Amino acid sequence: SDLSSTASTTSSSTTFNLSDYTKLSVLGRGNGGTVYKVVHKQNGAVYALKLISASSSEPNVLRQIHREKEILRRIAADSPFIVRCYGVADLPDGDLAVLMEYMDHGTLDSALKSMGTFPESLLAHVASQVLNGLKYLHSHKIVHRDIKPANILVNSTWEVKIADFGVGRIMGRTLDPCNSYVGTCAYMSPERFDPDTYGGNYNGYAADIWSLGLTLMELFLGYFPFLLPGERPDWATLMCAICFGDPPTLPSGSGSDEFRSFVNCCLQKEASKRWSAAKLLTHPF
């Protein structure tokens, strides 16, 4: 496709010309587009480039992308715990290009597969950085809505950053978010399925905390907490477990008291009882 479009963005991100970049490899594919590893032809800097296809996206998805473009421009430059966005370009054919920071160690999901379960010392490091990112997003009245291992990225110095909110979140979304147990639904809090039962008003900030609790448990256990290892139920079964079952707990004898307490503070079924990101940053874990 034509890569000669120039994006004019706010001061926090640069104006970029897609013809200045060479594609090196595909980092991932989502329903609406593809993420490439690219290099700047002049200075050799490496970035991640998301190309979001207008033709394969639903019209309402494209509208949402354009709305959320402003969020990316506004906030992604200002926190070391959020994957940087360097610019958003509208392409002549209606497609959208997003130039982002390249995280060379990939996702926590891929790290779990390659190196196995995380020791608590590493989980504490991950939790601290993700909580700082969530505290920043929440203070700007932004809810992520899709915290899970596949949306948290790391680099070679083990900086941990939140990705895939705003424009990025559209990329990985399939039309049915519940079509796979590792999809968005698996990490959704009870009140997102059933707002009336769990405290009435839906609190997106608290929903992000629930998802973080499940994420940390999965990295510790090596499998999704609501399931047995290797089990893959349909999403209705999963929804019943999340809404009507008890919140998952660590197997007896595993995990320190501090870690068990931390996870318990995240996985309260009633949203109002969950700790905030700022409060969790003070937790002894």
C-alpha atoms as a PDB file:
ATOM      1  CA  SER A   1       0.000   0.000   0.000  1.00  0.00           C
ATOM      2  CA  ASP A   2       0.992   3.624  -0.388  1.00  0.00           C
ATOM      3  CA  LEU A   3       3.339   4.558   2.448  1.00  0.00           C
ATOM      4  CA  SER A   4       3.828   8.214   1.531  1.00  0.00           C
ATOM      5  CA  SER A   5       1.277   9.823   3.809  1.00  0.00           C
ATOM      6  CA  THR A   6       2.408  12.410   6.335  1.00  0.00           C
ATOM      7  CA  ALA A   7       0.845  12.534   9.774  1.00  0.00           C
ATOM      8  CA  SER A   8       0.591  15.794  11.595  1.00  0.00           C
ATOM      9  CA  THR A   9       0.268  15.231  15.324  1.00  0.00           C
ATOM     10  CA  THR A  10       0.490  17.195  18.528  1.00  0.00           C
ATOM     11  CA  SER A  11       3.790  18.242  20.024  1.00  0.00           C
ATOM     12  CA  SER A  12       3.998  15.124  22.174  1.00  0.00           C
ATOM     13  CA  SER A  13       4.379  12.955  19.091  1.00  0.00           C
ATOM     14  CA  THR A  14       6.306  13.540  15.915  1.00  0.00           C
ATOM     15  CA  THR A  15       5.126  14.163  12.399  1.00  0.00           C
ATOM     16  CA  PHE A  16       6.068  11.059  10.501  1.00  0.00           C
ATOM     17  CA  ASN A  17       6.216  10.086   6.864  1.00  0.00           C
ATOM     18  CA  LEU A  18       5.614   6.401   6.263  1.00  0.00           C
ATOM     19  CA  SER A  19       7.898   6.347   3.244  1.00  0.00           C
ATOM     20  CA  ASP A  20      10.805   6.941   5.678  1.00  0.00           C
ATOM     21  CA  TYR A  21      10.342   3.454   7.170  1.00  0.00           C
ATOM     22  CA  THR A  22      11.160  -0.046   5.933  1.00  0.00           C
ATOM     23  CA  LYS A  23       9.165  -3.072   7.106  1.00  0.00           C
ATOM     24  CA  LEU A  24      11.368  -5.752   8.697  1.00  0.00           C
ATOM     25  CA  SER A  25       8.893  -8.376   9.903  1.00  0.00           C
ATOM     26  CA  VAL A  26       5.330  -9.007  11.073  1.00  0.00           C
ATOM     27  CA  LEU A  27       4.967  -8.811  14.863  1.00  0.00           C
ATOM     28  CA  GLY A  28       1.292  -9.760  14.996  1.00  0.00           C
ATOM     29  CA  ARG A  29      -2.014  -9.784  13.161  1.00  0.00           C
ATOM     30  CA  GLY A  30      -5.386  -8.727  14.519  1.00  0.00           C
ATOM     31  CA  ASN A  31      -8.854  -8.723  13.031  1.00  0.00           C
ATOM     32  CA  GLY A  32      -8.548  -5.186  11.703  1.00  0.00           C
ATOM     33  CA  GLY A  33      -4.897  -4.951  10.760  1.00  0.00           C
ATOM     34  CA  THR A  34      -1.275  -5.924  11.189  1.00  0.00           C
ATOM     35  CA  VAL A  35       1.630  -4.849  13.408  1.00  0.00           C
ATOM     36  CA  TYR A  36       5.051  -4.614  11.749  1.00  0.00           C
ATOM     37  CA  LYS A  37       8.559  -4.162  13.055  1.00  0.00           C
ATOM     38  CA  VAL A  38       9.949  -1.253  11.014  1.00  0.00           C
ATOM     39  CA  VAL A  39      13.218   0.651  10.821  1.00  0.00           C
ATOM     40  CA  HIS A  40      13.753   4.324  10.001  1.00  0.00           C
ATOM     41  CA  LYS A  41      15.763   4.450   6.759  1.00  0.00           C
ATOM     42  CA  GLN A  42      17.930   7.398   7.849  1.00  0.00           C
ATOM     43  CA  ASN A  43      18.698   6.915  11.534  1.00  0.00           C
ATOM     44  CA  GLY A  44      18.192   3.148  11.940  1.00  0.00           C
ATOM     45  CA  ALA A  45      15.751   3.496  14.850  1.00  0.00           C
ATOM     46  CA  VAL A  46      13.360   0.555  15.221  1.00  0.00           C
ATOM     47  CA  TYR A  47       9.616   0.990  15.876  1.00  0.00           C
ATOM     48  CA  ALA A  48       6.386  -0.977  15.855  1.00  0.00           C
ATOM     49  CA  LEU A  49       3.964   0.145  13.132  1.00  0.00           C
ATOM     50  CA  LYS A  50       0.289  -0.752  13.282  1.00  0.00           C
ATOM     51  CA  LEU A  51      -1.605  -0.587  10.005  1.00  0.00           C
ATOM     52  CA  ILE A  52      -5.332  -0.672  10.635  1.00  0.00           C
ATOM     53  CA  SER A  53      -7.306  -1.577   7.538  1.00  0.00           C
ATOM     54  CA  ALA A  54     -10.386   0.471   6.735  1.00  0.00           C
ATOM     55  CA  SER A  55     -11.751  -2.214   4.416  1.00  0.00           C
ATOM     56  CA  SER A  56     -11.670  -5.029   6.966  1.00  0.00           C
ATOM     57  CA  SER A  57     -12.917  -2.905   9.874  1.00  0.00           C
ATOM     58  CA  GLU A  58     -16.535  -2.288  10.729  1.00  0.00           C
ATOM     59  CA  PRO A  59     -17.580   1.366  10.158  1.00  0.00           C
ATOM     60  CA  ASN A  60     -18.271   1.836  13.879  1.00  0.00           C
ATOM     61  CA  VAL A  61     -14.809   0.450  14.674  1.00  0.00           C
ATOM     62  CA  LEU A  62     -13.230   3.052  12.386  1.00  0.00           C
ATOM     63  CA  ARG A  63     -15.251   5.797  14.071  1.00  0.00           C
ATOM     64  CA  GLN A  64     -13.988   4.592  17.426  1.00  0.00           C
ATOM     65  CA  ILE A  65     -10.413   4.512  16.149  1.00  0.00           C
ATOM     66  CA  HIS A  66     -10.644   8.150  15.072  1.00  0.00           C
ATOM     67  CA  ARG A  67     -12.152   9.101  18.420  1.00  0.00           C
ATOM     68  CA  GLU A  68      -9.461   7.257  20.357  1.00  0.00           C
ATOM     69  CA  LYS A  69      -6.645   8.619  18.194  1.00  0.00           C
ATOM     70  CA  GLU A  70      -6.780  11.751  20.311  1.00  0.00           C
ATOM     71  CA  ILE A  71      -6.354   9.704  23.498  1.00  0.00           C
ATOM     72  CA  LEU A  72      -3.206   8.120  22.099  1.00  0.00           C
ATOM     73  CA  ARG A  73      -1.770  11.467  21.103  1.00  0.00           C
ATOM     74  CA  ARG A  74      -2.613  13.025  24.429  1.00  0.00           C
ATOM     75  CA  ILE A  75      -1.374  10.499  26.921  1.00  0.00           C
ATOM     76  CA  ALA A  76       0.904   7.862  25.442  1.00  0.00           C
ATOM     77  CA  ALA A  77       3.872  10.220  25.437  1.00  0.00           C
ATOM     78  CA  ASP A  78       3.801  11.097  29.103  1.00  0.00           C
ATOM     79  CA  SER A  79       4.194   7.878  31.100  1.00  0.00           C
ATOM     80  CA  PRO A  80       7.165   5.483  31.141  1.00  0.00           C
ATOM     81  CA  PHE A  81       4.662   2.704  31.950  1.00  0.00           C
ATOM     82  CA  ILE A  82       2.650   3.092  28.726  1.00  0.00           C
ATOM     83  CA  VAL A  83       3.911   2.045  25.296  1.00  0.00           C
ATOM     84  CA  ARG A  84       4.836   5.297  23.511  1.00  0.00           C
ATOM     85  CA  CYS A  85       2.854   6.445  20.500  1.00  0.00           C
ATOM     86  CA  TYR A  86       4.939   8.608  18.165  1.00  0.00           C
ATOM     87  CA  GLY A  87       2.270   9.511  15.656  1.00  0.00           C
ATOM     88  CA  VAL A  88      -0.970   8.555  13.935  1.00  0.00           C
ATOM     89  CA  ALA A  89      -1.291   8.884  10.154  1.00  0.00           C
ATOM     90  CA  ASP A  90      -4.411   8.836   8.014  1.00  0.00           C
ATOM     91  CA  LEU A  91      -3.562   7.065   4.758  1.00  0.00           C
ATOM     92  CA  PRO A  92      -5.133   8.029   1.407  1.00  0.00           C
ATOM     93  CA  ASP A  93      -7.148   4.792   1.199  1.00  0.00           C
ATOM     94  CA  GLY A  94      -8.759   5.394   4.598  1.00  0.00           C
ATOM     95  CA  ASP A  95      -6.411   3.067   6.463  1.00  0.00           C
ATOM     96  CA  LEU A  96      -4.746   4.259   9.653  1.00  0.00           C
ATOM     97  CA  ALA A  97      -1.067   3.917  10.609  1.00  0.00           C
ATOM     98  CA  VAL A  98       0.158   4.165  14.197  1.00  0.00           C
ATOM     99  CA  LEU A  99       3.890   4.494  14.900  1.00  0.00           C
ATOM    100  CA  MET A 100       4.721   3.070  18.313  1.00  0.00           C
ATOM    101  CA  GLU A 101       7.601   2.160  20.573  1.00  0.00           C
ATOM    102  CA  TYR A 102       9.091  -1.265  19.797  1.00  0.00           C
ATOM    103  CA  MET A 103       9.305  -3.530  22.864  1.00  0.00           C
ATOM    104  CA  ASP A 104      11.926  -6.108  21.940  1.00  0.00           C
ATOM    105  CA  HIS A 105      10.928  -8.847  24.400  1.00  0.00           C
ATOM    106  CA  GLY A 106       7.302  -9.004  23.323  1.00  0.00           C
ATOM    107  CA  THR A 107       4.320  -9.741  25.558  1.00  0.00           C
ATOM    108  CA  LEU A 108       4.055 -11.278  29.018  1.00  0.00           C
ATOM    109  CA  ASP A 109       2.025 -13.995  27.323  1.00  0.00           C
ATOM    110  CA  SER A 110       4.978 -14.930  25.107  1.00  0.00           C
ATOM    111  CA  ALA A 111       7.385 -14.586  28.067  1.00  0.00           C
ATOM    112  CA  LEU A 112       5.278 -17.075  30.058  1.00  0.00           C
ATOM    113  CA  LYS A 113       5.427 -19.549  27.161  1.00  0.00           C
ATOM    114  CA  SER A 114       9.182 -19.163  26.658  1.00  0.00           C
ATOM    115  CA  MET A 115      10.489 -18.954  30.230  1.00  0.00           C
ATOM    116  CA  GLY A 116       7.784 -20.600  32.309  1.00  0.00           C
ATOM    117  CA  THR A 117       6.079 -19.318  35.425  1.00  0.00           C
ATOM    118  CA  PHE A 118       7.214 -16.087  37.076  1.00  0.00           C
ATOM    119  CA  PRO A 119       8.829 -16.010  40.544  1.00  0.00           C
ATOM    120  CA  GLU A 120       7.200 -13.631  43.016  1.00  0.00           C
ATOM    121  CA  SER A 121      10.104 -11.172  42.832  1.00  0.00           C
ATOM    122  CA  LEU A 122       9.449 -10.720  39.105  1.00  0.00           C
ATOM    123  CA  LEU A 123       5.674 -10.597  39.636  1.00  0.00           C
ATOM    124  CA  ALA A 124       6.143  -7.786  42.174  1.00  0.00           C
ATOM    125  CA  HIS A 125       8.188  -5.896  39.570  1.00  0.00           C
ATOM    126  CA  VAL A 126       5.503  -6.464  36.903  1.00  0.00           C
ATOM    127  CA  ALA A 127       2.687  -5.509  39.300  1.00  0.00           C
ATOM    128  CA  SER A 128       4.398  -2.283  40.346  1.00  0.00           C
ATOM    129  CA  GLN A 129       4.956  -1.097  36.772  1.00  0.00           C
ATOM    130  CA  VAL A 130       1.492  -2.082  35.521  1.00  0.00           C
ATOM    131  CA  LEU A 131      -0.106  -0.397  38.546  1.00  0.00           C
ATOM    132  CA  ASN A 132       1.851   2.781  37.823  1.00  0.00           C
ATOM    133  CA  GLY A 133       0.543   2.644  34.252  1.00  0.00           C
ATOM    134  CA  LEU A 134      -3.039   2.059  35.417  1.00  0.00           C
ATOM    135  CA  LYS A 135      -2.774   4.819  38.031  1.00  0.00           C
ATOM    136  CA  TYR A 136      -1.691   7.174  35.242  1.00  0.00           C
ATOM    137  CA  LEU A 137      -4.486   6.092  32.862  1.00  0.00           C
ATOM    138  CA  HIS A 138      -7.131   6.203  35.598  1.00  0.00           C
ATOM    139  CA  SER A 139      -5.998   9.661  36.731  1.00  0.00           C
ATOM    140  CA  HIS A 140      -6.689  10.800  33.155  1.00  0.00           C
ATOM    141  CA  LYS A 141     -10.135   9.185  33.303  1.00  0.00           C
ATOM    142  CA  ILE A 142      -9.120   6.446  30.878  1.00  0.00           C
ATOM    143  CA  VAL A 143     -10.115   2.830  31.447  1.00  0.00           C
ATOM    144  CA  HIS A 144      -8.055   0.203  29.619  1.00  0.00           C
ATOM    145  CA  ARG A 145     -10.745  -2.544  29.576  1.00  0.00           C
ATOM    146  CA  ASP A 146      -8.445  -5.258  28.246  1.00  0.00           C
ATOM    147  CA  ILE A 147      -5.612  -5.897  30.715  1.00  0.00           C
ATOM    148  CA  LYS A 148      -4.220  -9.398  30.098  1.00  0.00           C
ATOM    149  CA  PRO A 149      -0.770 -10.958  29.545  1.00  0.00           C
ATOM    150  CA  ALA A 150      -0.967 -10.423  25.775  1.00  0.00           C
ATOM    151  CA  ASN A 151      -1.447  -6.648  26.246  1.00  0.00           C
ATOM    152  CA  ILE A 152       1.514  -6.037  28.559  1.00  0.00           C
ATOM    153  CA  LEU A 153       4.874  -5.664  26.828  1.00  0.00           C
ATOM    154  CA  VAL A 154       8.458  -5.933  28.052  1.00  0.00           C
ATOM    155  CA  ASN A 155      11.827  -4.927  26.645  1.00  0.00           C
ATOM    156  CA  SER A 156      15.323  -6.300  27.187  1.00  0.00           C
ATOM    157  CA  THR A 157      15.846  -4.232  30.348  1.00  0.00           C
ATOM    158  CA  TRP A 158      12.553  -5.595  31.751  1.00  0.00           C
ATOM    159  CA  GLU A 159      10.701  -2.341  31.579  1.00  0.00           C
ATOM    160  CA  VAL A 160       7.039  -3.345  31.658  1.00  0.00           C
ATOM    161  CA  LYS A 161       4.523  -1.242  29.729  1.00  0.00           C
ATOM    162  CA  ILE A 162       0.805  -1.355  29.029  1.00  0.00           C
ATOM    163  CA  ALA A 163      -0.160  -1.582  25.357  1.00  0.00           C
ATOM    164  CA  ASP A 164      -3.305  -1.934  23.316  1.00  0.00           C
ATOM    165  CA  PHE A 165      -5.596   0.717  24.676  1.00  0.00           C
ATOM    166  CA  GLY A 166      -7.185   3.226  22.331  1.00  0.00           C
ATOM    167  CA  VAL A 167      -6.236   2.509  18.745  1.00  0.00           C
ATOM    168  CA  GLY A 168      -4.253  -0.527  19.789  1.00  0.00           C
ATOM    169  CA  ARG A 169      -7.184  -2.188  21.461  1.00  0.00           C
ATOM    170  CA  ILE A 170      -9.164  -2.186  18.230  1.00  0.00           C
ATOM    171  CA  MET A 171      -6.379  -4.083  16.496  1.00  0.00           C
ATOM    172  CA  GLY A 172      -6.541  -7.232  18.537  1.00  0.00           C
ATOM    173  CA  ARG A 173     -10.298  -7.290  18.841  1.00  0.00           C
ATOM    174  CA  THR A 174     -12.162  -9.930  16.922  1.00  0.00           C
ATOM    175  CA  LEU A 175     -15.831  -9.275  16.194  1.00  0.00           C
ATOM    176  CA  ASP A 176     -16.794 -11.685  18.971  1.00  0.00           C
ATOM    177  CA  PRO A 177     -14.525 -10.866  21.911  1.00  0.00           C
ATOM    178  CA  CYS A 178     -15.599 -14.104  23.587  1.00  0.00           C
ATOM    179  CA  ASN A 179     -14.633 -16.451  20.774  1.00  0.00           C
ATOM    180  CA  SER A 180     -11.621 -17.805  22.610  1.00  0.00           C
ATOM    181  CA  TYR A 181     -10.948 -18.440  26.268  1.00  0.00           C
ATOM    182  CA  VAL A 182      -7.839 -16.273  26.059  1.00  0.00           C
ATOM    183  CA  GLY A 183      -9.950 -13.508  24.537  1.00  0.00           C
ATOM    184  CA  THR A 184     -11.088 -10.390  26.286  1.00  0.00           C
ATOM    185  CA  CYS A 185     -13.986 -12.068  28.090  1.00  0.00           C
ATOM    186  CA  ALA A 186     -11.773 -14.375  30.106  1.00  0.00           C
ATOM    187  CA  TYR A 187     -10.290 -11.422  31.982  1.00  0.00           C
ATOM    188  CA  MET A 188     -13.543  -9.486  32.403  1.00  0.00           C
ATOM    189  CA  SER A 189     -14.802  -8.781  35.910  1.00  0.00           C
ATOM    190  CA  PRO A 190     -18.179 -10.094  37.143  1.00  0.00           C
ATOM    191  CA  GLU A 191     -19.868  -6.684  36.936  1.00  0.00           C
ATOM    192  CA  ARG A 192     -19.059  -6.382  33.233  1.00  0.00           C
ATOM    193  CA  PHE A 193     -21.227  -9.432  32.601  1.00  0.00           C
ATOM    194  CA  ASP A 194     -23.839  -8.612  35.222  1.00  0.00           C
ATOM    195  CA  PRO A 195     -23.741  -4.961  36.385  1.00  0.00           C
ATOM    196  CA  ASP A 196     -26.873  -5.124  38.560  1.00  0.00           C
ATOM    197  CA  THR A 197     -25.694  -7.919  40.826  1.00  0.00           C
ATOM    198  CA  TYR A 198     -22.233  -6.530  41.475  1.00  0.00           C
ATOM    199  CA  GLY A 199     -22.700  -3.052  42.807  1.00  0.00           C
ATOM    200  CA  GLY A 200     -24.947  -1.422  40.203  1.00  0.00           C
ATOM    201  CA  ASN A 201     -22.848   1.266  38.559  1.00  0.00           C
ATOM    202  CA  TYR A 202     -20.121  -0.198  36.392  1.00  0.00           C
ATOM    203  CA  ASN A 203     -16.714   1.022  37.556  1.00  0.00           C
ATOM    204  CA  GLY A 204     -14.197   0.568  34.752  1.00  0.00           C
ATOM    205  CA  TYR A 205     -11.238   1.393  36.971  1.00  0.00           C
ATOM    206  CA  ALA A 206     -12.085  -1.483  39.315  1.00  0.00           C
ATOM    207  CA  ALA A 207     -12.582  -3.786  36.314  1.00  0.00           C
ATOM    208  CA  ASP A 208      -8.983  -3.114  35.238  1.00  0.00           C
ATOM    209  CA  ILE A 209      -7.809  -4.140  38.732  1.00  0.00           C
ATOM    210  CA  TRP A 210      -9.713  -7.449  38.523  1.00  0.00           C
ATOM    211  CA  SER A 211      -8.031  -8.167  35.176  1.00  0.00           C
ATOM    212  CA  LEU A 212      -4.607  -7.387  36.665  1.00  0.00           C
ATOM    213  CA  GLY A 213      -5.244  -9.838  39.522  1.00  0.00           C
ATOM    214  CA  LEU A 214      -6.092 -12.617  37.054  1.00  0.00           C
ATOM    215  CA  THR A 215      -3.059 -11.739  34.925  1.00  0.00           C
ATOM    216  CA  LEU A 216      -0.651 -12.011  37.878  1.00  0.00           C
ATOM    217  CA  MET A 217      -2.205 -15.307  38.964  1.00  0.00           C
ATOM    218  CA  GLU A 218      -1.834 -16.713  35.462  1.00  0.00           C
ATOM    219  CA  LEU A 219       1.847 -15.722  35.309  1.00  0.00           C
ATOM    220  CA  PHE A 220       2.376 -17.400  38.703  1.00  0.00           C
ATOM    221  CA  LEU A 221       0.422 -20.599  37.972  1.00  0.00           C
ATOM    222  CA  GLY A 222       1.205 -20.998  34.273  1.00  0.00           C
ATOM    223  CA  TYR A 223      -2.464 -21.395  33.318  1.00  0.00           C
ATOM    224  CA  PHE A 224      -5.639 -19.296  33.368  1.00  0.00           C
ATOM    225  CA  PRO A 225      -6.895 -19.249  36.992  1.00  0.00           C
ATOM    226  CA  PHE A 226     -10.559 -20.123  36.304  1.00  0.00           C
ATOM    227  CA  LEU A 227      -9.609 -23.245  34.341  1.00  0.00           C
ATOM    228  CA  LEU A 228      -7.649 -26.415  34.788  1.00  0.00           C
ATOM    229  CA  PRO A 229      -4.414 -26.530  32.759  1.00  0.00           C
ATOM    230  CA  GLY A 230      -5.283 -27.206  29.117  1.00  0.00           C
ATOM    231  CA  GLU A 231      -9.046 -26.789  29.634  1.00  0.00           C
ATOM    232  CA  ARG A 232     -10.837 -24.719  26.969  1.00  0.00           C
ATOM    233  CA  PRO A 233     -14.536 -24.217  27.684  1.00  0.00           C
ATOM    234  CA  ASP A 234     -16.934 -22.056  25.716  1.00  0.00           C
ATOM    235  CA  TRP A 235     -17.419 -18.511  26.903  1.00  0.00           C
ATOM    236  CA  ALA A 236     -20.809 -19.207  28.519  1.00  0.00           C
ATOM    237  CA  THR A 237     -19.156 -21.699  30.886  1.00  0.00           C
ATOM    238  CA  LEU A 238     -16.470 -19.155  31.619  1.00  0.00           C
ATOM    239  CA  MET A 239     -19.012 -16.386  32.243  1.00  0.00           C
ATOM    240  CA  CYS A 240     -20.842 -18.615  34.739  1.00  0.00           C
ATOM    241  CA  ALA A 241     -17.587 -19.349  36.568  1.00  0.00           C
ATOM    242  CA  ILE A 242     -16.713 -15.633  36.763  1.00  0.00           C
ATOM    243  CA  CYS A 243     -20.186 -14.454  37.810  1.00  0.00           C
ATOM    244  CA  PHE A 244     -21.421 -17.298  39.998  1.00  0.00           C
ATOM    245  CA  GLY A 245     -18.292 -19.063  41.203  1.00  0.00           C
ATOM    246  CA  ASP A 246     -15.938 -17.901  43.928  1.00  0.00           C
ATOM    247  CA  PRO A 247     -13.005 -15.732  42.829  1.00  0.00           C
ATOM    248  CA  PRO A 248      -9.974 -17.928  42.106  1.00  0.00           C
ATOM    249  CA  THR A 249      -7.417 -18.354  44.872  1.00  0.00           C
ATOM    250  CA  LEU A 250      -3.899 -19.754  44.811  1.00  0.00           C
ATOM    251  CA  PRO A 251      -3.586 -23.486  45.591  1.00  0.00           C
ATOM    252  CA  SER A 252      -2.963 -24.071  49.309  1.00  0.00           C
ATOM    253  CA  GLY A 253       0.687 -23.926  50.192  1.00  0.00           C
ATOM    254  CA  SER A 254       1.692 -21.930  47.116  1.00  0.00           C
ATOM    255  CA  GLY A 255       2.564 -18.257  47.187  1.00  0.00           C
ATOM    256  CA  SER A 256       3.582 -15.990  50.048  1.00  0.00           C
ATOM    257  CA  ASP A 257       1.002 -14.441  52.376  1.00  0.00           C
ATOM    258  CA  GLU A 258       1.753 -11.036  50.825  1.00  0.00           C
ATOM    259  CA  PHE A 259       1.094 -12.275  47.286  1.00  0.00           C
ATOM    260  CA  ARG A 260      -2.108 -14.076  48.318  1.00  0.00           C
ATOM    261  CA  SER A 261      -3.309 -10.909  50.041  1.00  0.00           C
ATOM    262  CA  PHE A 262      -2.443  -8.759  47.013  1.00  0.00           C
ATOM    263  CA  VAL A 263      -4.356 -11.013  44.611  1.00  0.00           C
ATOM    264  CA  ASN A 264      -7.282 -11.098  47.045  1.00  0.00           C
ATOM    265  CA  CYS A 265      -7.401  -7.266  47.038  1.00  0.00           C
ATOM    266  CA  CYS A 266      -7.701  -7.368  43.217  1.00  0.00           C
ATOM    267  CA  LEU A 267     -10.201 -10.226  42.932  1.00  0.00           C
ATOM    268  CA  GLN A 268     -13.072  -8.996  45.100  1.00  0.00           C
ATOM    269  CA  LYS A 269     -16.316  -9.823  43.273  1.00  0.00           C
ATOM    270  CA  GLU A 270     -17.850  -6.561  44.458  1.00  0.00           C
ATOM    271  CA  ALA A 271     -16.113  -3.791  42.561  1.00  0.00           C
ATOM    272  CA  SER A 272     -16.381  -1.348  45.476  1.00  0.00           C
ATOM    273  CA  LYS A 273     -14.258  -3.664  47.654  1.00  0.00           C
ATOM    274  CA  ARG A 274     -11.373  -3.863  45.180  1.00  0.00           C
ATOM    275  CA  TRP A 275      -8.362  -1.706  45.929  1.00  0.00           C
ATOM    276  CA  SER A 276      -7.481   1.138  43.549  1.00  0.00           C
ATOM    277  CA  ALA A 277      -4.216   1.182  41.611  1.00  0.00           C
ATOM    278  CA  ALA A 278      -2.871   3.929  43.899  1.00  0.00           C
ATOM    279  CA  LYS A 279      -3.769   1.955  47.044  1.00  0.00           C
ATOM    280  CA  LEU A 280      -2.301  -1.297  45.657  1.00  0.00           C
ATOM    281  CA  LEU A 281       1.012   0.518  45.121  1.00  0.00           C
ATOM    282  CA  THR A 282       1.189   0.812  48.936  1.00  0.00           C
ATOM    283  CA  HIS A 283       0.542  -2.936  49.467  1.00  0.00           C
ATOM    284  CA  PRO A 284       3.433  -4.806  51.167  1.00  0.00           C
ATOM    285  CA  PHE A 285       3.725  -7.228  48.235  1.00  0.00           C
END
